[in-house]
C-alpha cells in the first residue's frame, strides 16, 4: 500500500465551503472512481486551523495515476468544483506526499 497525505490550505474563511464540497460531492465521486480515503482531519491546536488534511490509500502508483486522472476529468466533479467556487476560490495551496509504511507500522 501507498498512502497519500494531502493538505489543503484554504483562503481565509473558506474552510466551511471546502468541507461542504467534500461532504456533498467529492466523497461520492471518489466512491464512483474507486478512490479510498483513509481519514480526514482539521487542526484543533497547531499552526493553522484553516486547512483540511486527509489521506488516501492506493495499491500502487499506477492505480493512483489512473483513478486520479479519471476523477479529475469527471464532468460531475468539474461542475461541483465550479459551483463551490462561485463565491470565489477556496484553496490557497495544496501539498501532497506519497508515503510507504515502515516494517513496524501498525498501518500496512
Protein backbone atom coordinates (compact mmCIF):
# COMPACT_ATOMS: atom_id res chain seq x y z
CA UNK A 1 0.00 0.00 0.00
CA UNK A 2 0.96 3.58 -0.63
CA UNK A 3 -0.65 6.38 1.32
CA UNK A 4 -1.05 9.89 0.03
CA UNK A 5 -1.04 12.70 2.57
CA UNK A 6 -2.73 15.79 1.20
CA UNK A 7 -3.02 19.20 2.88
CA UNK A 8 -5.44 21.78 1.51
CA UNK A 9 -4.74 25.27 2.84
CA UNK A 10 -7.82 27.41 2.44
CA UNK A 11 -8.13 31.08 1.80
CA UNK A 12 -9.48 33.00 4.83
CA UNK A 13 -12.98 31.92 5.88
CA UNK A 14 -13.25 29.33 3.05
CA UNK A 15 -12.74 26.08 5.02
CA UNK A 16 -16.51 25.61 5.52
CA UNK A 17 -17.02 25.74 1.73
CA UNK A 18 -14.32 23.10 1.22
CA UNK A 19 -15.80 20.82 3.86
CA UNK A 20 -19.25 21.14 2.26
CA UNK A 21 -17.79 20.28 -1.14
CA UNK A 22 -16.22 17.11 0.27
CA UNK A 23 -19.39 16.08 2.13
CA UNK A 24 -21.83 16.92 -0.67
CA UNK A 25 -19.84 15.91 -3.77
CA UNK A 26 -16.24 14.76 -3.55
CA UNK A 27 -16.73 11.63 -1.43
CA UNK A 28 -19.47 10.25 -3.69
CA UNK A 29 -17.36 10.91 -6.78
CA UNK A 30 -14.35 9.22 -5.18
CA UNK A 31 -16.52 6.20 -4.45
CA UNK A 32 -17.62 6.16 -8.10
CA UNK A 33 -13.95 6.11 -9.18
CA UNK A 34 -12.72 3.67 -6.53
CA UNK A 35 -10.64 6.22 -4.61
CA UNK A 36 -10.26 5.11 -0.99
CA UNK A 37 -9.95 7.79 1.71
CA UNK A 38 -8.11 6.68 4.86
CA UNK A 39 -9.06 9.63 7.07
CA UNK A 40 -9.74 13.36 7.29
CA UNK A 41 -8.64 15.93 9.85
CA UNK A 42 -8.81 19.59 10.70
CA UNK A 43 -6.44 21.26 13.15
CA UNK A 44 -7.63 21.93 16.69
CA UNK A 45 -4.31 23.19 18.06
CA UNK A 46 -1.41 23.96 15.77
CA UNK A 47 -0.06 26.27 13.14
CA UNK A 48 -3.27 26.72 11.13
CA UNK A 49 -6.93 25.93 11.68
CA UNK A 50 -7.74 26.85 8.08
CA UNK A 51 -6.81 23.60 6.39
CA UNK A 52 -8.11 20.13 5.61
CA UNK A 53 -5.68 17.24 5.98
CA UNK A 54 -6.52 13.84 4.58
CA UNK A 55 -5.01 10.55 3.45
CA UNK A 56 -5.84 8.32 0.52
CA UNK A 57 -4.88 4.64 0.22
CA UNK A 58 -3.51 3.33 -3.07
CA UNK A 59 -2.47 -0.17 -4.13
CA UNK A 60 0.22 1.31 -6.42
CA UNK A 61 1.38 4.47 -8.13
CA UNK A 62 -0.22 3.18 -11.34
CA UNK A 63 -3.61 2.87 -9.62
CA UNK A 64 -3.27 6.43 -8.31
CA UNK A 65 -2.41 7.81 -11.72
CA UNK A 66 -5.35 6.12 -13.46
CA UNK A 67 -8.02 6.84 -10.85
CA UNK A 68 -6.89 10.39 -10.07
CA UNK A 69 -6.92 11.25 -13.80
CA UNK A 70 -10.44 9.83 -14.27
CA UNK A 71 -11.71 11.73 -11.23
CA UNK A 72 -10.03 14.96 -12.34
CA UNK A 73 -11.74 14.86 -15.73
CA UNK A 74 -15.18 13.74 -14.47
CA UNK A 75 -17.77 16.30 -15.64
CA UNK A 76 -19.68 15.94 -12.35
CA UNK A 77 -16.50 16.85 -10.44
CA UNK A 78 -15.77 19.82 -12.70
CA UNK A 79 -19.31 21.11 -12.17
CA UNK A 80 -19.20 20.57 -8.39
CA UNK A 81 -15.85 22.34 -8.12
CA UNK A 82 -17.05 25.29 -10.21
CA UNK A 83 -20.28 25.56 -8.21
CA UNK A 84 -18.40 25.50 -4.90
CA UNK A 85 -16.17 28.35 -6.10
CA UNK A 86 -18.93 30.63 -7.41
CA UNK A 87 -18.26 32.96 -4.43
CA UNK A 88 -14.52 32.89 -5.13
CA UNK A 89 -11.60 30.49 -4.89
CA UNK A 90 -11.40 28.18 -1.88
CA UNK A 91 -7.79 27.00 -1.85
CA UNK A 92 -4.56 28.91 -1.39
CA UNK A 93 -2.30 25.86 -1.69
CA UNK A 94 -2.32 22.07 -1.95
CA UNK A 95 0.55 19.84 -0.88
CA UNK A 96 0.82 16.11 -1.43
CA UNK A 97 3.22 13.45 -0.17
CA UNK A 98 3.27 9.77 -1.12
CA UNK A 99 4.16 7.60 1.87
CA UNK A 100 5.12 3.94 2.26
CA UNK A 101 4.54 2.21 5.62
CA UNK A 102 7.59 1.04 7.54
CA UNK A 103 8.00 -2.61 8.52
CA UNK A 104 6.90 -1.73 12.08
CA UNK A 105 3.92 0.46 11.13
CA UNK A 106 0.50 -0.50 12.52
CA UNK A 107 -0.90 0.66 9.17
CA UNK A 108 0.18 -1.53 6.24
